Amino acid sequence: MPLTGPRDMFAKALAGGFAVGAFNINNMETVQGILQAAGDERSPVILQVSNGARQYAGRGYLRKMAEAASEETDVPFVLHLDHGSGFDICKACIDDGFTSVMIDGSHLPFEENVAVTRGVVEYAHDRGVWVEAELGRLAGVEETVSSRESVYTDPEEAETFVARTGCDSLAIAIGTSHGPCKFSGEARLDFERLGAIAARLPGVPLVLHGASDVPDEFVRRTIELGVCKVNVATELKIAFSDAVKAWFAENPQGNDPRYYMRVGMDAMKEVVRNKINVCGSANRISA
């Protein structure tokens, strides 16, 4: 199935009360594992490429892997740039055939975030490409994205930001964090804030970044309040690497990546499968 954009996917998600899982890819096994899990669950899915993954794999490799995968699956999927750091990388990915990009100006003052986002929107929309933007900032570290403190998204600013930029979806900060976020005890998300943002932006798809380790019931509640894209990256890496480490502990003389990479991929697939069911997107391909 050819690569698709998220417009129809998100429209169905908003109408159906579910979210689409967005999973970060880094190599062949992550591409294959995510799409196999999505195929098993009959779920639409988003493959995300970070700045770091693009630098690691090279400009064209992950795009070509997604293209190869599209010839072997009937699962509709989006190829999305995650946390694009500026106009240039967003433009490069649009020119390379990505169907969605994220411009992350969340570290900038409000007016500068508006300006850079608007520039990406104008370039992308002329080419039929979806744009996700971010307002507010998550704490934590994920590759080159880092912040010591959260800056929660202001609902009134969010309404103004979307109106002025024309972005298609908005990543918001309500208490999640990048990297491993160990939720326990008194940990909470600001559901009241999320509800206020959604009320000011009816029909605008909202995005939850930093969903690794967030309790399932928290994720489901955000979806009830208007989130329709849930990002997962760190949890995939942990599952993959832990499985490979365990394999080598049992097979210290092992040296064939066709075996240990498969073990990592299978472990990662279970995470994807679980997230798909938490998001409620299983059996939604024909919805």
C-alpha atoms as a PDB file:
ATOM      1  CA  MET A   1       0.000   0.000   0.000  1.00  0.00           C
ATOM      2  CA  PRO A   2       1.439   3.419  -0.921  1.00  0.00           C
ATOM      3  CA  LEU A   3       2.511   5.786   1.824  1.00  0.00           C
ATOM      4  CA  THR A   4      -0.365   7.947   2.989  1.00  0.00           C
ATOM      5  CA  GLY A   5      -0.806  11.229   4.797  1.00  0.00           C
ATOM      6  CA  PRO A   6      -2.467  11.380   8.219  1.00  0.00           C
ATOM      7  CA  ARG A   7      -5.468  13.521   7.285  1.00  0.00           C
ATOM      8  CA  ASP A   8      -8.022  10.741   6.765  1.00  0.00           C
ATOM      9  CA  MET A   9      -6.375   8.642   9.475  1.00  0.00           C
ATOM     10  CA  PHE A  10      -6.832  11.379  12.079  1.00  0.00           C
ATOM     11  CA  ALA A  11     -10.342  12.240  10.914  1.00  0.00           C
ATOM     12  CA  LYS A  12     -11.362   8.625  11.540  1.00  0.00           C
ATOM     13  CA  ALA A  13      -9.558   8.630  14.868  1.00  0.00           C
ATOM     14  CA  LEU A  14     -11.375  11.746  16.073  1.00  0.00           C
ATOM     15  CA  ALA A  15     -14.721  10.424  14.882  1.00  0.00           C
ATOM     16  CA  GLY A  16     -14.109   6.962  16.302  1.00  0.00           C
ATOM     17  CA  GLY A  17     -12.601   7.932  19.640  1.00  0.00           C
ATOM     18  CA  PHE A  18      -9.248   6.251  19.145  1.00  0.00           C
ATOM     19  CA  ALA A  19      -5.658   7.319  18.522  1.00  0.00           C
ATOM     20  CA  VAL A  20      -2.980   6.253  16.068  1.00  0.00           C
ATOM     21  CA  GLY A  21       0.309   4.989  17.456  1.00  0.00           C
ATOM     22  CA  ALA A  22       3.425   6.749  16.168  1.00  0.00           C
ATOM     23  CA  PHE A  23       6.555   4.628  16.557  1.00  0.00           C
ATOM     24  CA  ASN A  24      10.148   5.661  15.926  1.00  0.00           C
ATOM     25  CA  ILE A  25      12.214   3.673  13.450  1.00  0.00           C
ATOM     26  CA  ASN A  26      16.007   3.351  13.280  1.00  0.00           C
ATOM     27  CA  ASN A  27      16.763   0.344  11.076  1.00  0.00           C
ATOM     28  CA  MET A  28      15.224  -2.443   9.004  1.00  0.00           C
ATOM     29  CA  GLU A  29      14.059  -4.481  11.985  1.00  0.00           C
ATOM     30  CA  THR A  30      12.183  -1.584  13.547  1.00  0.00           C
ATOM     31  CA  VAL A  31      10.386  -0.890  10.253  1.00  0.00           C
ATOM     32  CA  GLN A  32       9.488  -4.542   9.799  1.00  0.00           C
ATOM     33  CA  GLY A  33       8.497  -5.122  13.412  1.00  0.00           C
ATOM     34  CA  ILE A  34       6.179  -2.128  13.670  1.00  0.00           C
ATOM     35  CA  LEU A  35       4.412  -2.903  10.412  1.00  0.00           C
ATOM     36  CA  GLN A  36       4.104  -6.597  11.226  1.00  0.00           C
ATOM     37  CA  ALA A  37       2.493  -5.773  14.564  1.00  0.00           C
ATOM     38  CA  ALA A  38       0.181  -3.269  12.854  1.00  0.00           C
ATOM     39  CA  GLY A  39      -0.725  -5.895  10.273  1.00  0.00           C
ATOM     40  CA  ASP A  40      -1.489  -8.468  12.956  1.00  0.00           C
ATOM     41  CA  GLU A  41      -3.720  -5.975  14.751  1.00  0.00           C
ATOM     42  CA  ARG A  42      -5.194  -4.486  11.553  1.00  0.00           C
ATOM     43  CA  SER A  43      -4.267  -1.004  12.672  1.00  0.00           C
ATOM     44  CA  PRO A  44      -3.148   2.139  10.866  1.00  0.00           C
ATOM     45  CA  VAL A  45       0.238   3.311  12.074  1.00  0.00           C
ATOM     46  CA  ILE A  46       2.802   6.103  11.825  1.00  0.00           C
ATOM     47  CA  LEU A  47       6.513   5.469  11.289  1.00  0.00           C
ATOM     48  CA  GLN A  48       8.571   8.303  12.745  1.00  0.00           C
ATOM     49  CA  VAL A  49      12.107   9.320  11.827  1.00  0.00           C
ATOM     50  CA  SER A  50      13.998  11.531  14.266  1.00  0.00           C
ATOM     51  CA  ASN A  51      16.847  13.867  13.406  1.00  0.00           C
ATOM     52  CA  GLY A  52      19.202  11.412  15.064  1.00  0.00           C
ATOM     53  CA  ALA A  53      17.867   8.388  13.209  1.00  0.00           C
ATOM     54  CA  ARG A  54      18.183  10.199   9.906  1.00  0.00           C
ATOM     55  CA  GLN A  55      21.789  11.107  10.666  1.00  0.00           C
ATOM     56  CA  TYR A  56      22.548   7.557  11.791  1.00  0.00           C
ATOM     57  CA  ALA A  57      21.005   5.760   8.820  1.00  0.00           C
ATOM     58  CA  GLY A  58      21.754   8.350   6.167  1.00  0.00           C
ATOM     59  CA  ARG A  59      19.371  10.624   4.332  1.00  0.00           C
ATOM     60  CA  GLY A  60      17.765   8.061   2.056  1.00  0.00           C
ATOM     61  CA  TYR A  61      17.921   4.716   3.822  1.00  0.00           C
ATOM     62  CA  LEU A  62      14.915   4.904   6.126  1.00  0.00           C
ATOM     63  CA  ARG A  63      12.827   6.499   3.387  1.00  0.00           C
ATOM     64  CA  LYS A  64      13.736   3.667   1.014  1.00  0.00           C
ATOM     65  CA  MET A  65      13.005   1.062   3.694  1.00  0.00           C
ATOM     66  CA  ALA A  66       9.554   2.565   4.156  1.00  0.00           C
ATOM     67  CA  GLU A  67       9.065   2.519   0.393  1.00  0.00           C
ATOM     68  CA  ALA A  68      10.085  -1.161   0.261  1.00  0.00           C
ATOM     69  CA  ALA A  69       7.744  -1.947   3.156  1.00  0.00           C
ATOM     70  CA  SER A  70       4.848  -0.217   1.406  1.00  0.00           C
ATOM     71  CA  GLU A  71       5.137  -2.784  -1.383  1.00  0.00           C
ATOM     72  CA  GLU A  72       4.761  -5.670   1.056  1.00  0.00           C
ATOM     73  CA  THR A  73       1.987  -4.552   3.409  1.00  0.00           C
ATOM     74  CA  ASP A  74      -1.656  -3.567   3.107  1.00  0.00           C
ATOM     75  CA  VAL A  75      -1.419  -1.525   6.309  1.00  0.00           C
ATOM     76  CA  PRO A  76      -1.882   2.221   5.729  1.00  0.00           C
ATOM     77  CA  PHE A  77       1.056   4.051   7.247  1.00  0.00           C
ATOM     78  CA  VAL A  78       2.499   7.545   7.393  1.00  0.00           C
ATOM     79  CA  LEU A  79       6.192   8.418   7.156  1.00  0.00           C
ATOM     80  CA  HIS A  80       6.711  11.294   9.577  1.00  0.00           C
ATOM     81  CA  LEU A  81       9.655  13.459  10.599  1.00  0.00           C
ATOM     82  CA  ASP A  82       9.761  13.609  14.397  1.00  0.00           C
ATOM     83  CA  HIS A  83      11.063  16.776  16.082  1.00  0.00           C
ATOM     84  CA  GLY A  84      12.307  18.557  12.991  1.00  0.00           C
ATOM     85  CA  SER A  85      14.726  21.126  14.368  1.00  0.00           C
ATOM     86  CA  GLY A  86      14.253  23.782  11.693  1.00  0.00           C
ATOM     87  CA  PHE A  87      12.971  24.665   8.251  1.00  0.00           C
ATOM     88  CA  ASP A  88      15.853  23.036   6.369  1.00  0.00           C
ATOM     89  CA  ILE A  89      15.379  19.501   7.664  1.00  0.00           C
ATOM     90  CA  CYS A  90      11.604  19.740   7.243  1.00  0.00           C
ATOM     91  CA  LYS A  91      12.082  20.875   3.648  1.00  0.00           C
ATOM     92  CA  ALA A  92      14.574  18.072   2.970  1.00  0.00           C
ATOM     93  CA  CYS A  93      12.187  15.427   4.284  1.00  0.00           C
ATOM     94  CA  ILE A  94       9.266  16.865   2.333  1.00  0.00           C
ATOM     95  CA  ASP A  95      11.400  16.822  -0.812  1.00  0.00           C
ATOM     96  CA  ASP A  96      12.419  13.227  -0.029  1.00  0.00           C
ATOM     97  CA  GLY A  97       8.821  12.042   0.031  1.00  0.00           C
ATOM     98  CA  PHE A  98       7.810  12.134   3.700  1.00  0.00           C
ATOM     99  CA  THR A  99       4.043  12.483   4.015  1.00  0.00           C
ATOM    100  CA  SER A 100       4.142  14.361   7.329  1.00  0.00           C
ATOM    101  CA  VAL A 101       6.669  16.502   9.200  1.00  0.00           C
ATOM    102  CA  MET A 102       6.939  17.952  12.659  1.00  0.00           C
ATOM    103  CA  ILE A 103       8.511  21.343  13.118  1.00  0.00           C
ATOM    104  CA  ASP A 104       9.552  21.662  16.751  1.00  0.00           C
ATOM    105  CA  GLY A 105       9.935  25.308  17.673  1.00  0.00           C
ATOM    106  CA  SER A 106       8.926  24.683  21.269  1.00  0.00           C
ATOM    107  CA  HIS A 107      12.302  25.873  22.558  1.00  0.00           C
ATOM    108  CA  LEU A 108      11.835  29.261  20.884  1.00  0.00           C
ATOM    109  CA  PRO A 109       9.989  32.344  22.121  1.00  0.00           C
ATOM    110  CA  PHE A 110       6.348  32.319  21.033  1.00  0.00           C
ATOM    111  CA  GLU A 111       6.690  34.715  18.104  1.00  0.00           C
ATOM    112  CA  GLU A 112       9.739  32.880  16.732  1.00  0.00           C
ATOM    113  CA  ASN A 113       7.924  29.557  17.054  1.00  0.00           C
ATOM    114  CA  VAL A 114       5.014  31.042  15.098  1.00  0.00           C
ATOM    115  CA  ALA A 115       7.320  32.328  12.370  1.00  0.00           C
ATOM    116  CA  VAL A 116       9.306  29.124  11.796  1.00  0.00           C
ATOM    117  CA  THR A 117       6.175  26.983  11.967  1.00  0.00           C
ATOM    118  CA  ARG A 118       4.360  29.193   9.492  1.00  0.00           C
ATOM    119  CA  GLY A 119       7.255  28.920   7.055  1.00  0.00           C
ATOM    120  CA  VAL A 120       7.193  25.125   7.183  1.00  0.00           C
ATOM    121  CA  VAL A 121       3.410  25.072   6.838  1.00  0.00           C
ATOM    122  CA  GLU A 122       3.511  27.193   3.697  1.00  0.00           C
ATOM    123  CA  TYR A 123       6.144  24.991   2.060  1.00  0.00           C
ATOM    124  CA  ALA A 124       4.497  21.737   3.125  1.00  0.00           C
ATOM    125  CA  HIS A 125       0.930  22.617   2.224  1.00  0.00           C
ATOM    126  CA  ASP A 126       1.947  23.627  -1.271  1.00  0.00           C
ATOM    127  CA  ARG A 127       3.121  20.015  -1.644  1.00  0.00           C
ATOM    128  CA  GLY A 128       0.251  18.287   0.118  1.00  0.00           C
ATOM    129  CA  VAL A 129       2.235  17.408   3.259  1.00  0.00           C
ATOM    130  CA  TRP A 130       0.849  17.452   6.804  1.00  0.00           C
ATOM    131  CA  VAL A 131       2.505  19.582   9.498  1.00  0.00           C
ATOM    132  CA  GLU A 132       2.621  18.890  13.221  1.00  0.00           C
ATOM    133  CA  ALA A 133       3.879  21.685  15.479  1.00  0.00           C
ATOM    134  CA  GLU A 134       4.587  21.925  19.187  1.00  0.00           C
ATOM    135  CA  LEU A 135       3.657  24.471  21.818  1.00  0.00           C
ATOM    136  CA  GLY A 136       4.873  23.972  25.358  1.00  0.00           C
ATOM    137  CA  ARG A 137       7.917  21.891  26.204  1.00  0.00           C
ATOM    138  CA  LEU A 138       8.408  18.426  27.693  1.00  0.00           C
ATOM    139  CA  ALA A 139      11.062  17.760  30.297  1.00  0.00           C
ATOM    140  CA  GLY A 140      13.556  14.954  29.776  1.00  0.00           C
ATOM    141  CA  VAL A 141      16.028  13.916  27.104  1.00  0.00           C
ATOM    142  CA  GLU A 142      15.517  12.147  23.803  1.00  0.00           C
ATOM    143  CA  GLU A 143      18.462  12.387  21.392  1.00  0.00           C
ATOM    144  CA  THR A 144      18.976  16.114  20.735  1.00  0.00           C
ATOM    145  CA  VAL A 145      15.651  17.125  22.315  1.00  0.00           C
ATOM    146  CA  SER A 146      16.132  18.016  25.960  1.00  0.00           C
ATOM    147  CA  SER A 147      14.761  20.238  28.685  1.00  0.00           C
ATOM    148  CA  ARG A 148      15.242  20.291  32.436  1.00  0.00           C
ATOM    149  CA  GLU A 149      11.737  21.557  33.034  1.00  0.00           C
ATOM    150  CA  SER A 150       8.305  21.183  31.517  1.00  0.00           C
ATOM    151  CA  VAL A 151       6.568  24.246  30.132  1.00  0.00           C
ATOM    152  CA  TYR A 152       2.904  23.323  30.011  1.00  0.00           C
ATOM    153  CA  THR A 153       0.853  24.364  27.011  1.00  0.00           C
ATOM    154  CA  ASP A 154      -1.390  27.355  27.629  1.00  0.00           C
ATOM    155  CA  PRO A 155      -4.871  26.749  26.118  1.00  0.00           C
ATOM    156  CA  GLU A 156      -5.377  30.348  24.987  1.00  0.00           C
ATOM    157  CA  GLU A 157      -1.914  30.483  23.413  1.00  0.00           C
ATOM    158  CA  ALA A 158      -2.603  27.163  21.690  1.00  0.00           C
ATOM    159  CA  GLU A 159      -5.696  28.585  19.998  1.00  0.00           C
ATOM    160  CA  THR A 160      -3.771  31.646  18.828  1.00  0.00           C
ATOM    161  CA  PHE A 161      -0.800  29.557  17.694  1.00  0.00           C
ATOM    162  CA  VAL A 162      -2.864  27.229  15.492  1.00  0.00           C
ATOM    163  CA  ALA A 163      -4.795  30.141  13.991  1.00  0.00           C
ATOM    164  CA  ARG A 164      -1.629  32.069  13.132  1.00  0.00           C
ATOM    165  CA  THR A 165       0.461  29.166  11.852  1.00  0.00           C
ATOM    166  CA  GLY A 166      -2.103  27.012  10.076  1.00  0.00           C
ATOM    167  CA  CYS A 167      -0.485  23.852  11.447  1.00  0.00           C
ATOM    168  CA  ASP A 168      -2.525  20.676  11.029  1.00  0.00           C
ATOM    169  CA  SER A 169      -1.916  19.043  14.414  1.00  0.00           C
ATOM    170  CA  LEU A 170      -0.468  20.221  17.697  1.00  0.00           C
ATOM    171  CA  ALA A 171       1.815  18.471  20.165  1.00  0.00           C
ATOM    172  CA  ILE A 172       1.017  19.639  23.665  1.00  0.00           C
ATOM    173  CA  ALA A 173       2.769  19.484  27.048  1.00  0.00           C
ATOM    174  CA  ILE A 174       0.583  18.272  29.912  1.00  0.00           C
ATOM    175  CA  GLY A 175       3.037  16.362  32.116  1.00  0.00           C
ATOM    176  CA  THR A 176       4.677  13.620  30.052  1.00  0.00           C
ATOM    177  CA  SER A 177       8.424  13.638  29.463  1.00  0.00           C
ATOM    178  CA  HIS A 178      10.928  12.463  26.886  1.00  0.00           C
ATOM    179  CA  GLY A 179      12.971   9.387  27.633  1.00  0.00           C
ATOM    180  CA  PRO A 180      12.177   6.880  30.381  1.00  0.00           C
ATOM    181  CA  CYS A 181       9.471   8.461  32.517  1.00  0.00           C
ATOM    182  CA  LYS A 182       8.836   6.337  35.575  1.00  0.00           C
ATOM    183  CA  PHE A 183       5.236   7.059  36.482  1.00  0.00           C
ATOM    184  CA  SER A 184       4.340   5.971  40.010  1.00  0.00           C
ATOM    185  CA  GLY A 185       2.678   7.167  43.148  1.00  0.00           C
ATOM    186  CA  GLU A 186       1.626  10.776  42.727  1.00  0.00           C
ATOM    187  CA  ALA A 187       2.514  11.110  39.053  1.00  0.00           C
ATOM    188  CA  ARG A 188      -0.261  12.742  37.073  1.00  0.00           C
ATOM    189  CA  LEU A 189      -1.128  14.365  33.815  1.00  0.00           C
ATOM    190  CA  ASP A 190      -2.985  17.653  33.624  1.00  0.00           C
ATOM    191  CA  PHE A 191      -6.209  16.336  32.115  1.00  0.00           C
ATOM    192  CA  GLU A 192      -8.047  19.561  32.922  1.00  0.00           C
ATOM    193  CA  ARG A 193      -5.531  21.505  30.826  1.00  0.00           C
ATOM    194  CA  LEU A 194      -5.861  18.982  27.989  1.00  0.00           C
ATOM    195  CA  GLY A 195      -9.640  19.348  28.061  1.00  0.00           C
ATOM    196  CA  ALA A 196      -9.350  23.130  27.902  1.00  0.00           C
ATOM    197  CA  ILE A 197      -6.969  22.938  24.923  1.00  0.00           C
ATOM    198  CA  ALA A 198      -9.271  20.535  23.103  1.00  0.00           C
ATOM    199  CA  ALA A 199     -12.273  22.798  23.760  1.00  0.00           C
ATOM    200  CA  ARG A 200     -10.468  25.735  22.130  1.00  0.00           C
ATOM    201  CA  LEU A 201      -9.286  23.625  19.173  1.00  0.00           C
ATOM    202  CA  PRO A 202     -12.269  21.523  18.091  1.00  0.00           C
ATOM    203  CA  GLY A 203     -11.356  19.183  15.255  1.00  0.00           C
ATOM    204  CA  VAL A 204      -7.612  19.807  15.584  1.00  0.00           C
ATOM    205  CA  PRO A 205      -5.706  16.552  16.191  1.00  0.00           C
ATOM    206  CA  LEU A 206      -3.705  16.744  19.419  1.00  0.00           C
ATOM    207  CA  VAL A 207      -0.485  14.797  19.896  1.00  0.00           C
ATOM    208  CA  LEU A 208       0.880  13.178  23.053  1.00  0.00           C
ATOM    209  CA  HIS A 209       4.685  13.021  23.041  1.00  0.00           C
ATOM    210  CA  GLY A 210       6.660  11.074  25.625  1.00  0.00           C
ATOM    211  CA  ALA A 211       4.139   8.241  26.029  1.00  0.00           C
ATOM    212  CA  SER A 212       6.707   5.557  26.941  1.00  0.00           C
ATOM    213  CA  ASP A 213       5.908   4.150  30.404  1.00  0.00           C
ATOM    214  CA  VAL A 214       2.787   6.302  30.789  1.00  0.00           C
ATOM    215  CA  PRO A 215       0.143   4.117  32.443  1.00  0.00           C
ATOM    216  CA  ASP A 216      -2.372   2.716  29.991  1.00  0.00           C
ATOM    217  CA  GLU A 217      -5.310   4.291  31.772  1.00  0.00           C
ATOM    218  CA  PHE A 218      -3.665   7.720  31.492  1.00  0.00           C
ATOM    219  CA  VAL A 219      -3.175   7.273  27.753  1.00  0.00           C
ATOM    220  CA  ARG A 220      -6.790   6.187  27.297  1.00  0.00           C
ATOM    221  CA  ARG A 221      -8.006   9.248  29.197  1.00  0.00           C
ATOM    222  CA  THR A 222      -6.004  11.599  26.961  1.00  0.00           C
ATOM    223  CA  ILE A 223      -7.600   9.960  23.935  1.00  0.00           C
ATOM    224  CA  GLU A 224     -11.054  10.513  25.402  1.00  0.00           C
ATOM    225  CA  LEU A 225     -10.135  14.200  25.688  1.00  0.00           C
ATOM    226  CA  GLY A 226      -8.973  14.658  22.081  1.00  0.00           C
ATOM    227  CA  VAL A 227      -5.491  13.164  21.615  1.00  0.00           C
ATOM    228  CA  CYS A 228      -5.372  11.184  18.375  1.00  0.00           C
ATOM    229  CA  LYS A 229      -1.619  10.556  17.955  1.00  0.00           C
ATOM    230  CA  VAL A 230       0.459   8.853  20.648  1.00  0.00           C
ATOM    231  CA  ASN A 231       4.268   8.858  20.301  1.00  0.00           C
ATOM    232  CA  VAL A 232       6.390   5.961  21.518  1.00  0.00           C
ATOM    233  CA  ALA A 233      10.163   5.722  21.097  1.00  0.00           C
ATOM    234  CA  THR A 234      12.133   4.956  24.262  1.00  0.00           C
ATOM    235  CA  GLU A 235       9.993   1.971  25.232  1.00  0.00           C
ATOM    236  CA  LEU A 236      10.740   0.347  21.869  1.00  0.00           C
ATOM    237  CA  LYS A 237      14.483   0.808  22.314  1.00  0.00           C
ATOM    238  CA  ILE A 238      14.408  -0.669  25.803  1.00  0.00           C
ATOM    239  CA  ALA A 239      12.426  -3.739  24.749  1.00  0.00           C
ATOM    240  CA  PHE A 240      14.676  -4.319  21.742  1.00  0.00           C
ATOM    241  CA  SER A 241      17.973  -3.899  23.586  1.00  0.00           C
ATOM    242  CA  ASP A 242      16.914  -5.881  26.671  1.00  0.00           C
ATOM    243  CA  ALA A 243      15.928  -8.832  24.480  1.00  0.00           C
ATOM    244  CA  VAL A 244      19.239  -8.737  22.598  1.00  0.00           C
ATOM    245  CA  LYS A 245      21.199  -8.552  25.871  1.00  0.00           C
ATOM    246  CA  ALA A 246      19.298 -11.544  27.223  1.00  0.00           C
ATOM    247  CA  TRP A 247      19.966 -13.505  24.033  1.00  0.00           C
ATOM    248  CA  PHE A 248      23.705 -12.876  24.291  1.00  0.00           C
ATOM    249  CA  ALA A 249      23.669 -13.905  27.961  1.00  0.00           C
ATOM    250  CA  GLU A 250      22.275 -17.259  26.867  1.00  0.00           C
ATOM    251  CA  ASN A 251      24.355 -17.444  23.678  1.00  0.00           C
ATOM    252  CA  PRO A 252      27.737 -15.896  24.556  1.00  0.00           C
ATOM    253  CA  GLN A 253      29.353 -17.273  21.400  1.00  0.00           C
ATOM    254  CA  GLY A 254      26.555 -16.052  19.148  1.00  0.00           C
ATOM    255  CA  ASN A 255      27.557 -13.762  16.302  1.00  0.00           C
ATOM    256  CA  ASP A 256      24.802 -13.897  13.690  1.00  0.00           C
ATOM    257  CA  PRO A 257      22.675 -10.714  13.594  1.00  0.00           C
ATOM    258  CA  ARG A 258      19.944 -12.599  11.752  1.00  0.00           C
ATOM    259  CA  TYR A 259      19.213 -14.339  15.052  1.00  0.00           C
ATOM    260  CA  TYR A 260      19.709 -11.716  17.731  1.00  0.00           C
ATOM    261  CA  MET A 261      18.180  -8.855  15.742  1.00  0.00           C
ATOM    262  CA  ARG A 262      15.095 -11.012  15.191  1.00  0.00           C
ATOM    263  CA  VAL A 263      14.841 -11.572  18.945  1.00  0.00           C
ATOM    264  CA  GLY A 264      14.990  -7.816  19.521  1.00  0.00           C
ATOM    265  CA  MET A 265      12.421  -7.190  16.829  1.00  0.00           C
ATOM    266  CA  ASP A 266       9.978  -9.712  18.299  1.00  0.00           C
ATOM    267  CA  ALA A 267      10.240  -8.104  21.740  1.00  0.00           C
ATOM    268  CA  MET A 268       9.627  -4.670  20.248  1.00  0.00           C
ATOM    269  CA  LYS A 269       6.610  -5.983  18.332  1.00  0.00           C
ATOM    270  CA  GLU A 270       4.907  -6.879  21.597  1.00  0.00           C
ATOM    271  CA  VAL A 271       5.264  -3.291  22.795  1.00  0.00           C
ATOM    272  CA  VAL A 272       3.777  -2.011  19.534  1.00  0.00           C
ATOM    273  CA  ARG A 273       0.943  -4.520  19.724  1.00  0.00           C
ATOM    274  CA  ASN A 274       0.107  -3.428  23.271  1.00  0.00           C
ATOM    275  CA  LYS A 275       0.201   0.288  22.415  1.00  0.00           C
ATOM    276  CA  ILE A 276      -2.078  -0.271  19.444  1.00  0.00           C
ATOM    277  CA  ASN A 277      -4.663  -1.860  21.725  1.00  0.00           C
ATOM    278  CA  VAL A 278      -4.279   0.856  24.354  1.00  0.00           C
ATOM    279  CA  CYS A 279      -4.880   3.436  21.619  1.00  0.00           C
ATOM    280  CA  GLY A 280      -7.972   1.560  20.449  1.00  0.00           C
ATOM    281  CA  SER A 281      -6.798   1.452  16.812  1.00  0.00           C
ATOM    282  CA  ALA A 282      -6.883  -2.344  16.388  1.00  0.00           C
ATOM    283  CA  ASN A 283      -9.233  -3.466  13.610  1.00  0.00           C
ATOM    284  CA  ARG A 284      -9.657   0.127  12.403  1.00  0.00           C
ATOM    285  CA  ILE A 285      -8.119  -0.167   8.943  1.00  0.00           C
ATOM    286  CA  SER A 286     -11.484  -0.455   7.264  1.00  0.00           C
ATOM    287  CA  ALA A 287     -13.246   1.841   9.753  1.00  0.00           C
END
